[in-house]
């Protein structure tokens, strides 16, 4: 083999070796890049999933917050409307009570309540009170029931009150007492259960 052939052979082997080394280095580099790309892709997907979960949780919180605020507003409006209706109902009831006190039936009602109180007291001393608005009925009721009747200092919308001092008893058949109790205990029940 001549020197030129040897050089050519050496050149070919060296170039081939260099190509193989370059191919190996490129293969390793390509594998490393693919691995890095895969890791980056996995990390990106995990980050995206984490972000989606965080944003979903945040959106749920915002929705729940808005829902709670709306429920509170609805409840306030509902309560306000109930209070308006309650005031309207009891205003009408008060008007009906006032109308009733101007009827002959009211005088019969007072007579019956006075007689009930007298029967309850038996032989004990009793004081019967009328509301100041019923001043015009006092004399007639005294005559009808045969007992002394006093006018109360404070108005109680109608009806009677009576005291039995020996037994420390107050008999309250006043419209104000019943009206206030009904007003305090009144609540709106609705729906299929209450119909």
Protein backbone atom coordinates (compact mmCIF):
# COMPACT_ATOMS: atom_id res chain seq x y z
CA UNK A 1 0.00 0.00 0.00
CA UNK A 2 1.34 3.30 -0.94
CA UNK A 3 1.43 6.33 1.20
CA UNK A 4 -1.38 7.92 -0.76
CA UNK A 5 -3.47 4.85 -0.35
CA UNK A 6 -2.63 4.73 3.33
CA UNK A 7 -3.51 8.40 3.67
CA UNK A 8 -6.70 7.89 1.76
CA UNK A 9 -7.54 4.83 3.87
CA UNK A 10 -6.68 6.75 7.05
CA UNK A 11 -8.77 9.67 5.85
CA UNK A 12 -11.73 7.42 5.08
CA UNK A 13 -11.53 5.64 8.43
CA UNK A 14 -11.12 8.92 10.31
CA UNK A 15 -14.02 10.53 8.47
CA UNK A 16 -16.14 7.43 9.00
CA UNK A 17 -15.20 7.39 12.68
CA UNK A 18 -15.94 11.10 12.92
CA UNK A 19 -19.32 10.51 11.23
CA UNK A 20 -20.10 7.71 13.67
CA UNK A 21 -19.04 9.81 16.65
CA UNK A 22 -21.01 12.77 15.31
CA UNK A 23 -24.02 10.52 14.71
CA UNK A 24 -23.66 9.10 18.24
CA UNK A 25 -23.34 12.60 19.72
CA UNK A 26 -26.30 13.79 17.65
CA UNK A 27 -28.29 10.72 18.72
CA UNK A 28 -27.47 11.36 22.38
CA UNK A 29 -28.25 15.05 21.97
CA UNK A 30 -31.49 14.23 20.16
CA UNK A 31 -32.45 11.73 22.90
CA UNK A 32 -31.59 14.32 25.58
CA UNK A 33 -33.66 16.95 23.75
CA UNK A 34 -36.56 14.53 23.34
CA UNK A 35 -36.33 13.65 27.03
CA UNK A 36 -36.24 17.36 27.94
CA UNK A 37 -39.14 18.03 25.58
CA UNK A 38 -41.13 15.15 27.14
CA UNK A 39 -40.34 16.39 30.66
CA UNK A 40 -41.29 19.92 29.65
CA UNK A 41 -44.50 18.64 28.06
CA UNK A 42 -45.36 16.62 31.20
CA UNK A 43 -44.53 19.56 33.45
CA UNK A 44 -46.57 21.90 31.24
CA UNK A 45 -49.53 19.50 31.33
CA UNK A 46 -49.24 19.20 35.12
CA UNK A 47 -49.01 22.99 35.44
CA UNK A 48 -51.99 23.37 33.12
CA UNK A 49 -54.00 20.82 35.15
CA UNK A 50 -53.02 22.55 38.38
CA UNK A 51 -54.00 25.91 36.94
CA UNK A 52 -57.29 24.52 35.64
CA UNK A 53 -58.06 23.06 39.08
CA UNK A 54 -57.12 26.33 40.80
CA UNK A 55 -59.22 28.40 38.40
CA UNK A 56 -62.13 25.94 38.70
CA UNK A 57 -61.96 26.16 42.50
CA UNK A 58 -61.75 29.95 42.28
CA UNK A 59 -64.73 30.05 39.90
CA UNK A 60 -66.71 27.79 42.28
CA UNK A 61 -65.87 30.09 45.18
CA UNK A 62 -66.96 33.13 43.18
CA UNK A 63 -70.18 31.39 42.15
CA UNK A 64 -70.89 30.33 45.75
CA UNK A 65 -70.10 33.84 46.96
CA UNK A 66 -72.45 35.37 44.39
CA UNK A 67 -75.10 32.75 45.18
CA UNK A 68 -74.84 33.44 48.91
CA UNK A 69 -75.11 37.18 48.31
CA UNK A 70 -78.17 36.65 46.09
CA UNK A 71 -79.78 34.31 48.64
CA UNK A 72 -79.19 36.92 51.35
CA UNK A 73 -80.75 39.61 49.15
CA UNK A 74 -83.74 37.37 48.41
CA UNK A 75 -84.14 36.56 52.11
CA UNK A 76 -83.99 40.27 53.03
CA UNK A 77 -86.54 41.12 50.34
CA UNK A 78 -88.74 38.21 51.48
CA UNK A 79 -88.56 39.33 55.12
CA UNK A 80 -89.26 42.96 54.18
CA UNK A 81 -92.28 41.89 52.09
CA UNK A 82 -93.56 39.66 54.91
CA UNK A 83 -93.23 42.56 57.36
CA UNK A 84 -95.08 44.87 54.96
CA UNK A 85 -97.89 42.31 54.58
CA UNK A 86 -97.99 41.71 58.33
CA UNK A 87 -98.31 45.46 58.98
CA UNK A 88 -101.05 45.71 56.34
CA UNK A 89 -102.95 42.72 57.76
CA UNK A 90 -102.79 43.99 61.33
CA UNK A 91 -103.70 47.51 60.24
CA UNK A 92 -106.84 46.02 58.65
CA UNK A 93 -107.53 43.93 61.76
CA UNK A 94 -107.21 47.04 63.94
CA UNK A 95 -109.64 48.84 61.64
CA UNK A 96 -112.09 45.92 61.91
CA UNK A 97 -111.78 45.97 65.71
CA UNK A 98 -112.49 49.70 65.75
CA UNK A 99 -115.51 49.13 63.48
CA UNK A 100 -116.72 46.32 65.75
CA UNK A 101 -116.64 48.62 68.80
CA UNK A 102 -119.30 50.78 67.14
CA UNK A 103 -121.80 47.93 66.68
CA UNK A 104 -124.56 46.66 69.01
CA UNK A 105 -122.78 43.29 69.09
CA UNK A 106 -119.87 44.97 70.85
CA UNK A 107 -122.10 46.02 73.73
CA UNK A 108 -123.35 42.41 73.99
CA UNK A 109 -119.74 41.19 73.92
CA UNK A 110 -118.78 43.55 76.77
CA UNK A 111 -121.81 42.45 78.80
CA UNK A 112 -120.88 38.78 78.34
CA UNK A 113 -117.23 39.37 79.32
CA UNK A 114 -118.23 41.37 82.41
CA UNK A 115 -120.60 38.58 83.49
CA UNK A 116 -117.82 36.00 82.93
CA UNK A 117 -115.48 38.03 85.13
CA UNK A 118 -118.16 38.41 87.84
CA UNK A 119 -118.84 34.66 87.78
CA UNK A 120 -115.12 33.94 88.02
CA UNK A 121 -114.72 36.30 91.00
CA UNK A 122 -117.66 34.75 92.84
CA UNK A 123 -117.92 36.54 96.20
CA UNK A 124 -114.50 38.23 95.92
CA UNK A 125 -114.23 41.95 95.30
CA UNK A 126 -113.67 42.73 91.60
CA UNK A 127 -112.97 45.94 89.70
CA UNK A 128 -114.03 46.10 86.05
CA UNK A 129 -112.27 48.52 83.68
CA UNK A 130 -113.35 49.79 80.28
CA UNK A 131 -111.09 51.45 77.76
CA UNK A 132 -111.53 55.27 77.72
CA UNK A 133 -113.00 55.02 74.20
CA UNK A 134 -115.97 53.11 75.67
CA UNK A 135 -116.93 55.94 78.05
CA UNK A 136 -120.36 56.24 76.40
CA UNK A 137 -121.18 52.58 77.21
CA UNK A 138 -120.10 52.63 80.87
CA UNK A 139 -123.40 53.75 82.40
CA UNK A 140 -125.52 51.37 80.33
CA UNK A 141 -123.18 48.42 81.12
CA UNK A 142 -123.30 49.27 84.86
CA UNK A 143 -127.08 49.15 84.70
CA UNK A 144 -127.14 45.91 82.60
CA UNK A 145 -124.58 44.01 84.69
CA UNK A 146 -125.38 45.51 88.08
CA UNK A 147 -121.72 46.24 88.90
CA UNK A 148 -119.61 49.38 89.11
CA UNK A 149 -117.42 50.01 86.08
CA UNK A 150 -114.37 52.25 85.97
CA UNK A 151 -112.60 53.80 83.02
CA UNK A 152 -108.97 52.79 82.64
CA UNK A 153 -106.32 55.49 82.38
CA UNK A 154 -104.76 53.90 79.30
CA UNK A 155 -106.51 52.84 76.13
CA UNK A 156 -106.62 49.13 75.35
CA UNK A 157 -108.61 49.33 72.06
CA UNK A 158 -111.77 47.84 73.56
CA UNK A 159 -112.86 44.86 75.61
CA UNK A 160 -112.51 44.76 79.39
CA UNK A 161 -109.94 44.28 82.09
CA UNK A 162 -110.75 43.23 85.61
CA UNK A 163 -108.78 42.82 88.82
CA UNK A 164 -109.49 40.63 91.83
CA UNK A 165 -107.22 42.19 94.51
CA UNK A 166 -107.62 39.42 97.17
CA UNK A 167 -106.32 36.78 94.75
CA UNK A 168 -103.94 39.09 92.90
CA UNK A 169 -105.60 38.20 89.57
CA UNK A 170 -105.82 40.26 86.39
CA UNK A 171 -108.45 39.22 83.86
CA UNK A 172 -107.51 40.63 80.48
CA UNK A 173 -110.16 40.48 77.78
CA UNK A 174 -108.80 43.64 76.17
CA UNK A 175 -108.46 43.86 72.43
CA UNK A 176 -104.98 45.40 72.82
CA UNK A 177 -103.67 42.39 74.76
CA UNK A 178 -105.03 39.89 72.25
CA UNK A 179 -103.97 42.09 69.34
CA UNK A 180 -100.39 42.37 70.63
CA UNK A 181 -100.19 38.63 71.33
CA UNK A 182 -101.47 37.79 67.85
CA UNK A 183 -99.07 40.32 66.30
CA UNK A 184 -96.09 38.89 68.19
CA UNK A 185 -96.92 35.26 67.40
CA UNK A 186 -97.96 35.82 63.78
CA UNK A 187 -95.83 34.19 61.11
CA UNK A 188 -96.34 33.30 57.49
CA UNK A 189 -96.60 29.58 56.89
CA UNK A 190 -96.94 28.55 53.31
CA UNK A 191 -96.46 25.81 50.83
CA UNK A 192 -98.21 22.48 50.37
CA UNK A 193 -97.72 21.46 54.03
CA UNK A 194 -99.80 24.38 55.29
CA UNK A 195 -102.56 24.54 52.69
